[in-house]
Amino acid sequence: MKDTTLKDMAFSALLEGYQERLYWHIRKIVITHENADDVLQNTFIRVYKSISNFQEKSSLHTWMYRIAHNESLRFLEKNKNKSYANIEDLSSTHLEILFEDVYFNGDEIQMKLHTIIANFTEKQKRVFQMKYFDDLSFRKISEILKVSENTLKSTYYAAVKIIEEKIMD
């Protein structure tokens, strides 16, 4: 009984410390508040069930981000049967959802930034969001995505260049 209480207290501390950061990471991937809440709940269920298997090969923060990222991708994969004619339709649908969301209070520049990001490749989008919005180091992103740091840097700076060019249009 004592071990269960200790585990629950530790898990509550994890929830308190990481819930908001993981929510916003997930939200950038699945777009809507409702979907992000569902994926966040699945993330913490997976963390709770797997915490005893945590091997400390990376930081706890990185490990949890990887779980959140993978849960987000699972969610997208599971819901991809919602068909769109092409990527532009998908991007515009996601932007409409974002701009109509009561939790989004962006100004014109933010809307333009999100429009540009929506047209990135999935890889560019994930790398840019993790570096720019989540302020993760390239090392942590590398551990989460299992991609070399040099590749990530190249992807990120190419995305930044696109934003710089398009934001001035």
Protein backbone atom coordinates (compact mmCIF):
# COMPACT_ATOMS: atom_id res chain seq x y z
CA MET A 1 0.00 0.00 0.00
CA LYS A 2 2.85 2.37 0.86
CA ASP A 3 4.55 1.86 -2.55
CA THR A 4 1.29 2.63 -4.38
CA THR A 5 0.81 5.85 -2.41
CA LEU A 6 4.39 6.92 -3.10
CA LYS A 7 4.00 6.12 -6.81
CA ASP A 8 0.73 8.09 -6.94
CA MET A 9 2.35 11.08 -5.21
CA ALA A 10 5.27 10.98 -7.62
CA PHE A 11 2.90 10.73 -10.55
CA SER A 12 0.90 13.71 -9.26
CA ALA A 13 4.14 15.70 -9.15
CA LEU A 14 4.87 14.70 -12.75
CA LEU A 15 1.38 15.79 -13.79
CA GLU A 16 1.79 19.13 -12.09
CA GLY A 17 5.25 19.73 -13.51
CA TYR A 18 4.71 18.64 -17.11
CA GLN A 19 1.00 18.80 -17.92
CA GLU A 20 0.95 22.29 -19.42
CA ARG A 21 4.16 21.94 -21.43
CA LEU A 22 3.09 18.58 -22.86
CA TYR A 23 -0.40 19.92 -23.60
CA TRP A 24 0.99 22.71 -25.78
CA HIS A 25 3.40 20.35 -27.53
CA ILE A 26 0.51 17.99 -28.33
CA ARG A 27 -1.81 20.86 -29.25
CA LYS A 28 0.57 22.02 -31.99
CA ILE A 29 0.34 18.57 -33.55
CA VAL A 30 -3.35 17.68 -33.18
CA ILE A 31 -4.62 21.31 -33.39
CA THR A 32 -7.83 21.30 -31.33
CA HIS A 33 -8.17 21.68 -27.58
CA GLU A 34 -10.43 18.62 -27.32
CA ASN A 35 -8.03 16.39 -29.25
CA ALA A 36 -5.06 17.69 -27.26
CA ASP A 37 -6.84 16.88 -24.00
CA ASP A 38 -7.54 13.33 -25.19
CA VAL A 39 -3.97 12.77 -26.35
CA LEU A 40 -2.59 14.30 -23.13
CA GLN A 41 -4.69 11.91 -21.09
CA ASN A 42 -3.42 8.96 -23.16
CA THR A 43 0.12 10.28 -22.74
CA PHE A 44 -0.10 10.32 -18.96
CA ILE A 45 -1.74 6.89 -18.89
CA ARG A 46 1.22 5.57 -20.90
CA VAL A 47 3.69 7.41 -18.63
CA TYR A 48 2.01 5.98 -15.53
CA LYS A 49 2.08 2.44 -16.90
CA SER A 50 5.66 2.72 -18.21
CA ILE A 51 7.44 4.75 -15.53
CA SER A 52 8.94 1.62 -13.99
CA ASN A 53 10.56 0.89 -17.39
CA PHE A 54 12.20 4.33 -17.62
CA GLN A 55 15.89 3.57 -18.14
CA GLU A 56 17.36 7.06 -17.71
CA LYS A 57 19.01 6.95 -21.15
CA SER A 58 17.57 10.44 -21.58
CA SER A 59 16.08 12.96 -19.18
CA LEU A 60 12.60 12.34 -17.84
CA HIS A 61 11.49 15.47 -19.68
CA THR A 62 12.74 14.13 -23.02
CA TRP A 63 11.24 10.70 -22.38
CA MET A 64 7.83 12.20 -21.63
CA TYR A 65 8.01 14.47 -24.71
CA ARG A 66 8.78 11.43 -26.84
CA ILE A 67 5.73 9.63 -25.43
CA ALA A 68 3.56 12.73 -26.03
CA HIS A 69 4.91 13.07 -29.56
CA ASN A 70 4.29 9.41 -30.36
CA GLU A 71 0.78 9.52 -28.86
CA SER A 72 0.03 12.56 -31.03
CA LEU A 73 1.22 10.75 -34.14
CA ARG A 74 -0.86 7.68 -33.18
CA PHE A 75 -3.89 9.92 -32.82
CA LEU A 76 -3.30 11.48 -36.25
CA GLU A 77 -2.78 8.06 -37.82
CA LYS A 78 -5.96 6.72 -36.22
CA ASN A 79 -7.95 9.70 -37.48
CA LYS A 80 -6.41 10.01 -40.94
CA ASN A 81 -9.41 8.30 -42.52
CA LYS A 82 -11.00 11.73 -42.51
CA SER A 83 -10.09 12.33 -46.10
CA TYR A 84 -9.05 15.60 -47.65
CA ALA A 85 -8.68 16.20 -51.36
CA ASN A 86 -5.12 17.48 -50.94
CA ILE A 87 -2.65 18.95 -48.47
CA GLU A 88 -3.94 22.49 -49.05
CA ASP A 89 -7.43 21.41 -47.94
CA LEU A 90 -5.96 19.79 -44.84
CA SER A 91 -3.87 22.85 -44.00
CA SER A 92 -6.73 25.27 -44.53
CA THR A 93 -9.05 23.10 -42.43
CA HIS A 94 -6.51 23.06 -39.58
CA LEU A 95 -6.05 26.82 -39.85
CA GLU A 96 -9.80 27.42 -39.74
CA ILE A 97 -10.05 25.26 -36.63
CA LEU A 98 -7.13 27.11 -35.03
CA PHE A 99 -8.38 30.63 -35.85
CA GLU A 100 -11.93 29.85 -34.68
CA ASP A 101 -10.70 28.30 -31.43
CA VAL A 102 -11.59 30.37 -28.35
CA TYR A 103 -8.12 29.62 -26.95
CA PHE A 104 -6.35 31.24 -29.92
CA ASN A 105 -5.92 34.98 -29.55
CA GLY A 106 -3.34 35.66 -32.23
CA ASP A 107 -2.85 38.93 -34.00
CA GLU A 108 -2.28 39.30 -37.74
CA ILE A 109 1.42 38.40 -37.57
CA GLN A 110 0.70 35.28 -35.51
CA MET A 111 -1.99 34.25 -37.95
CA LYS A 112 0.44 34.72 -40.82
CA LEU A 113 3.10 32.71 -38.97
CA HIS A 114 0.67 29.85 -38.35
CA THR A 115 -0.42 29.95 -41.98
CA ILE A 116 3.21 29.63 -43.11
CA ILE A 117 3.88 26.82 -40.62
CA ALA A 118 0.75 24.97 -41.77
CA ASN A 119 2.28 24.71 -45.23
CA PHE A 120 5.58 23.23 -44.01
CA THR A 121 6.33 19.57 -44.47
CA GLU A 122 5.50 17.52 -41.37
CA LYS A 123 9.20 17.27 -40.52
CA GLN A 124 9.74 21.04 -40.81
CA LYS A 125 6.61 21.71 -38.79
CA ARG A 126 7.59 19.41 -35.91
CA VAL A 127 11.18 20.61 -35.73
CA PHE A 128 10.24 24.29 -35.93
CA GLN A 129 7.50 23.97 -33.33
CA MET A 130 9.68 22.06 -30.88
CA LYS A 131 12.57 24.51 -31.22
CA TYR A 132 10.70 27.81 -31.53
CA PHE A 133 7.56 27.31 -29.42
CA ASP A 134 8.72 24.64 -26.94
CA ASP A 135 12.26 26.08 -26.71
CA LEU A 136 13.83 22.62 -26.75
CA SER A 137 17.50 22.21 -27.53
CA PHE A 138 18.50 20.47 -30.74
CA ARG A 139 19.93 17.70 -28.55
CA LYS A 140 16.56 17.08 -26.89
CA ILE A 141 14.69 17.25 -30.18
CA SER A 142 17.20 14.76 -31.58
CA GLU A 143 16.47 12.36 -28.72
CA ILE A 144 12.70 12.76 -29.11
CA LEU A 145 12.56 12.42 -32.90
CA LYS A 146 15.55 10.08 -33.27
CA VAL A 147 17.12 12.32 -35.92
CA SER A 148 20.67 13.72 -35.97
CA GLU A 149 21.23 17.21 -34.57
CA ASN A 150 22.78 18.42 -37.83
CA THR A 151 19.72 17.33 -39.79
CA LEU A 152 17.49 19.11 -37.28
CA LYS A 153 19.52 22.30 -37.47
CA SER A 154 19.37 22.23 -41.24
CA THR A 155 15.61 21.67 -41.19
CA TYR A 156 15.03 24.38 -38.59
CA TYR A 157 17.09 27.05 -40.30
CA ALA A 158 15.49 26.27 -43.67
CA ALA A 159 12.09 26.75 -42.02
CA VAL A 160 13.23 30.04 -40.46
CA LYS A 161 14.40 31.25 -43.86
CA ILE A 162 11.00 30.41 -45.39
CA ILE A 163 9.25 32.31 -42.61
CA GLU A 164 11.52 35.32 -43.02
CA GLU A 165 10.83 35.42 -46.76
CA LYS A 166 7.06 34.90 -46.51
CA ILE A 167 6.38 37.09 -43.48
CA MET A 168 7.56 40.09 -45.48
CA ASP A 169 5.22 39.36 -48.41
